[in-house]
Amino acid sequence: MSDRYLIPALNSTNFYRVKDTIKRSKFICTMAHTADICAAKAFIARIQEEFPDANHNCWAFQCGPPADTAHAGMSDDGEPRGTAGKPMLGMLLHSPVGELTCVVTRYFGGIKLGTGGLVRAYSGMVKLALQELPVHDKIFFVKVQVILDYAYVTLLQRLLPDFEAEIINTTFTADAEFTLQLPKEQCPELKKALTHLTHDELLFSLLTDK
């Protein structure tokens, strides 16, 4: 699994929504950040309750890193099989955003779209929403312990911003001891840089939270 990927910049109480009218049918695409399947199902139920009179509330979710199919699901909700949920999920899986659920609500306008038209409409609504969906990085952090000679302390402190690392604890005894927090993906490169900086005269260890 990736140690960093994009997720919607939304919390559990808000969502992102776009609307469009296609051949008189009103389409509403609502998206939310859902970190697991339980959250996805709760969000889907919330939208179904909001639009109980809609002809269809089709949905798709992908609750892991981008392109991960292990925690994905979909529903055509009464539309012809494969014309709604599948193209919606396809759009989610091909996007760079993970942990995302979308519901496309349809109010039928009296003109049939046909199988191809439905696929284009449902996938197009998801594509439209993804274009302006607010996102941010989900980062997996780790803590490491670094012990080194006092001669390298200033150089260490100058190096940390390059690796998005911050000092969360310091102990000064015979040597300088630091507890750092940084993105997991940065850990190997920081260790490599510090090893070069101190000529391999340091202790660098990954800490495990108890």
C-alpha atoms as a PDB file:
ATOM      1  CA  MET A   1       0.000   0.000   0.000  1.00  0.00           C
ATOM      2  CA  SER A   2       1.199   3.502  -0.799  1.00  0.00           C
ATOM      3  CA  ASP A   3       2.422   5.568   2.146  1.00  0.00           C
ATOM      4  CA  ARG A   4       0.858   8.716   0.671  1.00  0.00           C
ATOM      5  CA  TYR A   5      -2.122   9.294  -1.606  1.00  0.00           C
ATOM      6  CA  LEU A   6      -4.894  11.793  -2.285  1.00  0.00           C
ATOM      7  CA  ILE A   7      -8.206  11.666  -0.426  1.00  0.00           C
ATOM      8  CA  PRO A   8     -11.191  14.049  -0.484  1.00  0.00           C
ATOM      9  CA  ALA A   9     -10.679  17.114   1.713  1.00  0.00           C
ATOM     10  CA  LEU A  10     -14.052  16.514   3.336  1.00  0.00           C
ATOM     11  CA  ASN A  11     -15.055  15.437   6.822  1.00  0.00           C
ATOM     12  CA  SER A  12     -17.836  13.151   7.991  1.00  0.00           C
ATOM     13  CA  THR A  13     -20.410  15.947   8.081  1.00  0.00           C
ATOM     14  CA  ASN A  14     -19.997  17.454   4.622  1.00  0.00           C
ATOM     15  CA  PHE A  15     -19.832  16.391   1.000  1.00  0.00           C
ATOM     16  CA  TYR A  16     -19.207  17.681  -2.524  1.00  0.00           C
ATOM     17  CA  ARG A  17     -22.013  17.931  -5.100  1.00  0.00           C
ATOM     18  CA  VAL A  18     -22.498  18.771  -8.766  1.00  0.00           C
ATOM     19  CA  LYS A  19     -25.672  18.855 -10.865  1.00  0.00           C
ATOM     20  CA  ASP A  20     -26.514  18.600 -14.546  1.00  0.00           C
ATOM     21  CA  THR A  21     -29.519  18.065 -16.809  1.00  0.00           C
ATOM     22  CA  ILE A  22     -29.216  15.532 -19.633  1.00  0.00           C
ATOM     23  CA  LYS A  23     -32.155  15.187 -22.016  1.00  0.00           C
ATOM     24  CA  ARG A  24     -34.507  16.519 -19.361  1.00  0.00           C
ATOM     25  CA  SER A  25     -33.320  14.060 -16.709  1.00  0.00           C
ATOM     26  CA  LYS A  26     -31.903  15.775 -13.651  1.00  0.00           C
ATOM     27  CA  PHE A  27     -28.650  14.248 -12.381  1.00  0.00           C
ATOM     28  CA  ILE A  28     -27.090  15.001  -8.989  1.00  0.00           C
ATOM     29  CA  CYS A  29     -23.664  13.582  -8.118  1.00  0.00           C
ATOM     30  CA  THR A  30     -22.719  13.673  -4.437  1.00  0.00           C
ATOM     31  CA  MET A  31     -19.288  12.631  -3.172  1.00  0.00           C
ATOM     32  CA  ALA A  32     -17.856  12.057   0.290  1.00  0.00           C
ATOM     33  CA  HIS A  33     -14.685  10.879   1.964  1.00  0.00           C
ATOM     34  CA  THR A  34     -15.255   7.351   3.284  1.00  0.00           C
ATOM     35  CA  ALA A  35     -12.321   5.554   4.902  1.00  0.00           C
ATOM     36  CA  ASP A  36     -14.101   2.185   5.171  1.00  0.00           C
ATOM     37  CA  ILE A  37     -17.109   0.278   3.862  1.00  0.00           C
ATOM     38  CA  CYS A  38     -19.252   1.073   6.904  1.00  0.00           C
ATOM     39  CA  ALA A  39     -18.761   4.790   6.283  1.00  0.00           C
ATOM     40  CA  ALA A  40     -19.548   4.320   2.586  1.00  0.00           C
ATOM     41  CA  LYS A  41     -22.813   2.516   3.309  1.00  0.00           C
ATOM     42  CA  ALA A  42     -23.826   5.127   5.877  1.00  0.00           C
ATOM     43  CA  PHE A  43     -23.226   7.908   3.358  1.00  0.00           C
ATOM     44  CA  ILE A  44     -25.212   6.092   0.659  1.00  0.00           C
ATOM     45  CA  ALA A  45     -28.130   5.672   3.081  1.00  0.00           C
ATOM     46  CA  ARG A  46     -27.943   9.363   3.934  1.00  0.00           C
ATOM     47  CA  ILE A  47     -28.301  10.378   0.267  1.00  0.00           C
ATOM     48  CA  GLN A  48     -31.110   7.877  -0.288  1.00  0.00           C
ATOM     49  CA  GLU A  49     -32.953   9.459   2.624  1.00  0.00           C
ATOM     50  CA  GLU A  50     -32.340  12.925   1.170  1.00  0.00           C
ATOM     51  CA  PHE A  51     -33.772  11.966  -2.247  1.00  0.00           C
ATOM     52  CA  PRO A  52     -36.411   9.286  -1.505  1.00  0.00           C
ATOM     53  CA  ASP A  53     -38.548  10.369  -4.473  1.00  0.00           C
ATOM     54  CA  ALA A  54     -35.751  10.016  -7.052  1.00  0.00           C
ATOM     55  CA  ASN A  55     -36.099   7.387  -9.751  1.00  0.00           C
ATOM     56  CA  HIS A  56     -32.598   6.113  -9.017  1.00  0.00           C
ATOM     57  CA  ASN A  57     -29.823   6.610  -6.449  1.00  0.00           C
ATOM     58  CA  CYS A  58     -26.965   4.731  -8.086  1.00  0.00           C
ATOM     59  CA  TRP A  59     -23.711   4.449  -6.206  1.00  0.00           C
ATOM     60  CA  ALA A  60     -20.108   3.305  -6.196  1.00  0.00           C
ATOM     61  CA  PHE A  61     -17.388   3.347  -3.571  1.00  0.00           C
ATOM     62  CA  GLN A  62     -13.678   2.686  -3.334  1.00  0.00           C
ATOM     63  CA  CYS A  63     -12.532   2.764   0.286  1.00  0.00           C
ATOM     64  CA  GLY A  64      -8.798   2.176  -0.074  1.00  0.00           C
ATOM     65  CA  PRO A  65      -5.826   3.676  -1.887  1.00  0.00           C
ATOM     66  CA  PRO A  66      -6.371   4.745  -5.511  1.00  0.00           C
ATOM     67  CA  ALA A  67      -7.066   1.844  -7.898  1.00  0.00           C
ATOM     68  CA  ASP A  68      -7.478  -0.618  -5.012  1.00  0.00           C
ATOM     69  CA  THR A  69     -10.408  -2.959  -5.739  1.00  0.00           C
ATOM     70  CA  ALA A  70     -10.319  -4.827  -2.421  1.00  0.00           C
ATOM     71  CA  HIS A  71     -12.819  -2.502  -0.757  1.00  0.00           C
ATOM     72  CA  ALA A  72     -15.027  -1.445  -3.658  1.00  0.00           C
ATOM     73  CA  GLY A  73     -18.719  -1.758  -4.415  1.00  0.00           C
ATOM     74  CA  MET A  74     -21.418  -0.492  -6.776  1.00  0.00           C
ATOM     75  CA  SER A  75     -25.138  -0.547  -7.540  1.00  0.00           C
ATOM     76  CA  ASP A  76     -27.285   0.292 -10.582  1.00  0.00           C
ATOM     77  CA  ASP A  77     -30.304   0.847  -8.304  1.00  0.00           C
ATOM     78  CA  GLY A  78     -32.845  -0.150 -10.925  1.00  0.00           C
ATOM     79  CA  GLU A  79     -31.100   1.160 -14.025  1.00  0.00           C
ATOM     80  CA  PRO A  80     -30.297  -1.463 -16.703  1.00  0.00           C
ATOM     81  CA  ARG A  81     -27.498  -3.709 -15.505  1.00  0.00           C
ATOM     82  CA  GLY A  82     -24.015  -2.301 -16.035  1.00  0.00           C
ATOM     83  CA  THR A  83     -25.157   1.167 -17.105  1.00  0.00           C
ATOM     84  CA  ALA A  84     -24.629   3.074 -13.843  1.00  0.00           C
ATOM     85  CA  GLY A  85     -22.691   1.495 -10.987  1.00  0.00           C
ATOM     86  CA  LYS A  86     -20.013  -0.104 -13.160  1.00  0.00           C
ATOM     87  CA  PRO A  87     -19.074   3.022 -15.149  1.00  0.00           C
ATOM     88  CA  MET A  88     -19.183   5.072 -11.943  1.00  0.00           C
ATOM     89  CA  LEU A  89     -16.796   2.673 -10.207  1.00  0.00           C
ATOM     90  CA  GLY A  90     -14.573   2.662 -13.268  1.00  0.00           C
ATOM     91  CA  MET A  91     -14.182   6.415 -13.002  1.00  0.00           C
ATOM     92  CA  LEU A  92     -13.297   6.137  -9.302  1.00  0.00           C
ATOM     93  CA  LEU A  93     -10.724   3.407  -9.879  1.00  0.00           C
ATOM     94  CA  HIS A  94      -9.010   5.383 -12.638  1.00  0.00           C
ATOM     95  CA  SER A  95      -8.816   8.564 -10.562  1.00  0.00           C
ATOM     96  CA  PRO A  96      -5.829   9.468  -8.348  1.00  0.00           C
ATOM     97  CA  VAL A  97      -8.133   9.851  -5.325  1.00  0.00           C
ATOM     98  CA  GLY A  98      -8.794   7.109  -2.768  1.00  0.00           C
ATOM     99  CA  GLU A  99     -11.339   6.559   0.020  1.00  0.00           C
ATOM    100  CA  LEU A 100     -14.199   7.983  -2.015  1.00  0.00           C
ATOM    101  CA  THR A 101     -17.911   7.232  -2.355  1.00  0.00           C
ATOM    102  CA  CYS A 102     -20.257   8.770  -4.911  1.00  0.00           C
ATOM    103  CA  VAL A 103     -24.021   8.617  -5.356  1.00  0.00           C
ATOM    104  CA  VAL A 104     -25.588   9.760  -8.620  1.00  0.00           C
ATOM    105  CA  THR A 105     -29.251  10.611  -8.173  1.00  0.00           C
ATOM    106  CA  ARG A 106     -31.497  10.689 -11.227  1.00  0.00           C
ATOM    107  CA  TYR A 107     -34.916  12.233 -11.714  1.00  0.00           C
ATOM    108  CA  PHE A 108     -36.250  10.871 -15.004  1.00  0.00           C
ATOM    109  CA  GLY A 109     -37.274  13.585 -17.455  1.00  0.00           C
ATOM    110  CA  GLY A 110     -39.357  11.545 -19.860  1.00  0.00           C
ATOM    111  CA  ILE A 111     -36.731  10.885 -22.548  1.00  0.00           C
ATOM    112  CA  LYS A 112     -34.963   7.507 -22.540  1.00  0.00           C
ATOM    113  CA  LEU A 113     -31.193   7.752 -22.858  1.00  0.00           C
ATOM    114  CA  GLY A 114     -30.503   4.214 -24.040  1.00  0.00           C
ATOM    115  CA  THR A 115     -27.767   1.959 -22.718  1.00  0.00           C
ATOM    116  CA  GLY A 116     -24.877   3.982 -24.115  1.00  0.00           C
ATOM    117  CA  GLY A 117     -26.462   7.236 -23.053  1.00  0.00           C
ATOM    118  CA  LEU A 118     -26.849   6.029 -19.484  1.00  0.00           C
ATOM    119  CA  VAL A 119     -23.224   4.890 -19.314  1.00  0.00           C
ATOM    120  CA  ARG A 120     -22.063   8.269 -20.594  1.00  0.00           C
ATOM    121  CA  ALA A 121     -24.375  10.144 -18.235  1.00  0.00           C
ATOM    122  CA  TYR A 122     -23.373   8.309 -15.061  1.00  0.00           C
ATOM    123  CA  SER A 123     -19.647   8.187 -15.801  1.00  0.00           C
ATOM    124  CA  GLY A 124     -19.797  11.807 -16.961  1.00  0.00           C
ATOM    125  CA  MET A 125     -21.339  12.945 -13.688  1.00  0.00           C
ATOM    126  CA  VAL A 126     -18.554  11.290 -11.701  1.00  0.00           C
ATOM    127  CA  LYS A 127     -15.944  12.792 -14.023  1.00  0.00           C
ATOM    128  CA  LEU A 128     -17.512  16.224 -13.593  1.00  0.00           C
ATOM    129  CA  ALA A 129     -17.416  15.955  -9.808  1.00  0.00           C
ATOM    130  CA  LEU A 130     -13.825  14.700  -9.759  1.00  0.00           C
ATOM    131  CA  GLN A 131     -12.651  17.732 -11.745  1.00  0.00           C
ATOM    132  CA  GLU A 132     -13.253  20.147  -8.867  1.00  0.00           C
ATOM    133  CA  LEU A 133     -13.312  17.783  -5.880  1.00  0.00           C
ATOM    134  CA  PRO A 134     -11.228  19.269  -3.038  1.00  0.00           C
ATOM    135  CA  VAL A 135      -8.448  16.876  -2.068  1.00  0.00           C
ATOM    136  CA  HIS A 136      -5.402  16.643   0.147  1.00  0.00           C
ATOM    137  CA  ASP A 137      -2.658  14.142   0.912  1.00  0.00           C
ATOM    138  CA  LYS A 138      -3.211  11.268   3.301  1.00  0.00           C
ATOM    139  CA  ILE A 139       0.183  10.659   4.870  1.00  0.00           C
ATOM    140  CA  PHE A 140       1.246   7.715   7.021  1.00  0.00           C
ATOM    141  CA  PHE A 141       3.632   8.965   9.702  1.00  0.00           C
ATOM    142  CA  VAL A 142       6.238   7.060  11.691  1.00  0.00           C
ATOM    143  CA  LYS A 143       8.454   7.910  14.642  1.00  0.00           C
ATOM    144  CA  VAL A 144      12.177   7.292  14.693  1.00  0.00           C
ATOM    145  CA  GLN A 145      14.882   7.641  17.294  1.00  0.00           C
ATOM    146  CA  VAL A 146      18.155   9.245  16.282  1.00  0.00           C
ATOM    147  CA  ILE A 147      21.210   9.291  18.544  1.00  0.00           C
ATOM    148  CA  LEU A 148      24.302  11.165  17.415  1.00  0.00           C
ATOM    149  CA  ASP A 149      27.210  13.297  18.528  1.00  0.00           C
ATOM    150  CA  TYR A 150      26.580  16.911  19.520  1.00  0.00           C
ATOM    151  CA  ALA A 151      28.744  18.053  16.644  1.00  0.00           C
ATOM    152  CA  TYR A 152      25.986  17.053  14.203  1.00  0.00           C
ATOM    153  CA  VAL A 153      22.968  18.543  15.982  1.00  0.00           C
ATOM    154  CA  THR A 154      22.762  21.778  13.992  1.00  0.00           C
ATOM    155  CA  LEU A 155      23.246  19.943  10.714  1.00  0.00           C
ATOM    156  CA  LEU A 156      20.484  17.511  11.683  1.00  0.00           C
ATOM    157  CA  GLN A 157      18.078  20.348  12.455  1.00  0.00           C
ATOM    158  CA  ARG A 158      18.763  21.995   9.111  1.00  0.00           C
ATOM    159  CA  LEU A 159      18.190  18.720   7.296  1.00  0.00           C
ATOM    160  CA  LEU A 160      14.770  17.875   8.757  1.00  0.00           C
ATOM    161  CA  PRO A 161      12.553  20.198   6.651  1.00  0.00           C
ATOM    162  CA  ASP A 162      13.795  18.496   3.474  1.00  0.00           C
ATOM    163  CA  PHE A 163      12.189  15.276   4.731  1.00  0.00           C
ATOM    164  CA  GLU A 164       9.046  16.799   6.288  1.00  0.00           C
ATOM    165  CA  ALA A 165      10.335  15.670   9.677  1.00  0.00           C
ATOM    166  CA  GLU A 166       9.759  17.339  13.026  1.00  0.00           C
ATOM    167  CA  ILE A 167      11.312  16.902  16.443  1.00  0.00           C
ATOM    168  CA  ILE A 168       8.820  15.727  19.060  1.00  0.00           C
ATOM    169  CA  ASN A 169      11.254  14.944  21.879  1.00  0.00           C
ATOM    170  CA  THR A 170      14.881  15.683  22.742  1.00  0.00           C
ATOM    171  CA  THR A 171      17.205  14.214  25.375  1.00  0.00           C
ATOM    172  CA  PHE A 172      20.728  15.436  25.972  1.00  0.00           C
ATOM    173  CA  THR A 173      23.081  13.082  27.833  1.00  0.00           C
ATOM    174  CA  ALA A 174      26.426  11.783  26.613  1.00  0.00           C
ATOM    175  CA  ASP A 175      25.009  12.071  23.099  1.00  0.00           C
ATOM    176  CA  ALA A 176      22.093  13.981  21.579  1.00  0.00           C
ATOM    177  CA  GLU A 177      18.961  11.876  21.300  1.00  0.00           C
ATOM    178  CA  PHE A 178      16.000  12.927  19.145  1.00  0.00           C
ATOM    179  CA  THR A 179      12.572  11.440  18.574  1.00  0.00           C
ATOM    180  CA  LEU A 180      11.361  12.479  15.133  1.00  0.00           C
ATOM    181  CA  GLN A 181       8.047  12.182  13.325  1.00  0.00           C
ATOM    182  CA  LEU A 182       8.015  12.074   9.540  1.00  0.00           C
ATOM    183  CA  PRO A 183       6.196  10.519   6.570  1.00  0.00           C
ATOM    184  CA  LYS A 184       6.974   6.813   6.331  1.00  0.00           C
ATOM    185  CA  GLU A 185       8.053   7.200   2.708  1.00  0.00           C
ATOM    186  CA  GLN A 186      10.759   9.662   3.769  1.00  0.00           C
ATOM    187  CA  CYS A 187      12.308   7.376   6.377  1.00  0.00           C
ATOM    188  CA  PRO A 188      14.828   5.498   4.196  1.00  0.00           C
ATOM    189  CA  GLU A 189      16.127   8.667   2.556  1.00  0.00           C
ATOM    190  CA  LEU A 190      16.486  10.481   5.883  1.00  0.00           C
ATOM    191  CA  LYS A 191      18.459   7.576   7.280  1.00  0.00           C
ATOM    192  CA  LYS A 192      20.668   7.587   4.197  1.00  0.00           C
ATOM    193  CA  ALA A 193      21.278  11.340   4.481  1.00  0.00           C
ATOM    194  CA  LEU A 194      22.094  11.191   8.195  1.00  0.00           C
ATOM    195  CA  THR A 195      24.388   8.225   7.714  1.00  0.00           C
ATOM    196  CA  HIS A 196      26.322  10.206   5.115  1.00  0.00           C
ATOM    197  CA  LEU A 197      26.287  13.366   7.251  1.00  0.00           C
ATOM    198  CA  THR A 198      27.691  11.644  10.355  1.00  0.00           C
ATOM    199  CA  HIS A 199      29.998   9.223   8.525  1.00  0.00           C
ATOM    200  CA  ASP A 200      27.847   6.379   9.873  1.00  0.00           C
ATOM    201  CA  GLU A 201      28.371   7.481  13.474  1.00  0.00           C
ATOM    202  CA  LEU A 202      24.752   7.388  14.635  1.00  0.00           C
ATOM    203  CA  LEU A 203      21.954   5.143  15.806  1.00  0.00           C
ATOM    204  CA  PHE A 204      18.757   5.293  13.754  1.00  0.00           C
ATOM    205  CA  SER A 205      15.815   3.120  14.780  1.00  0.00           C
ATOM    206  CA  LEU A 206      12.129   2.932  13.969  1.00  0.00           C
ATOM    207  CA  LEU A 207       9.879   3.266  17.029  1.00  0.00           C
ATOM    208  CA  THR A 208       6.719   1.200  17.420  1.00  0.00           C
ATOM    209  CA  ASP A 209       3.735   2.733  19.189  1.00  0.00           C
ATOM    210  CA  LYS A 210       2.520   0.590  22.065  1.00  0.00           C
END
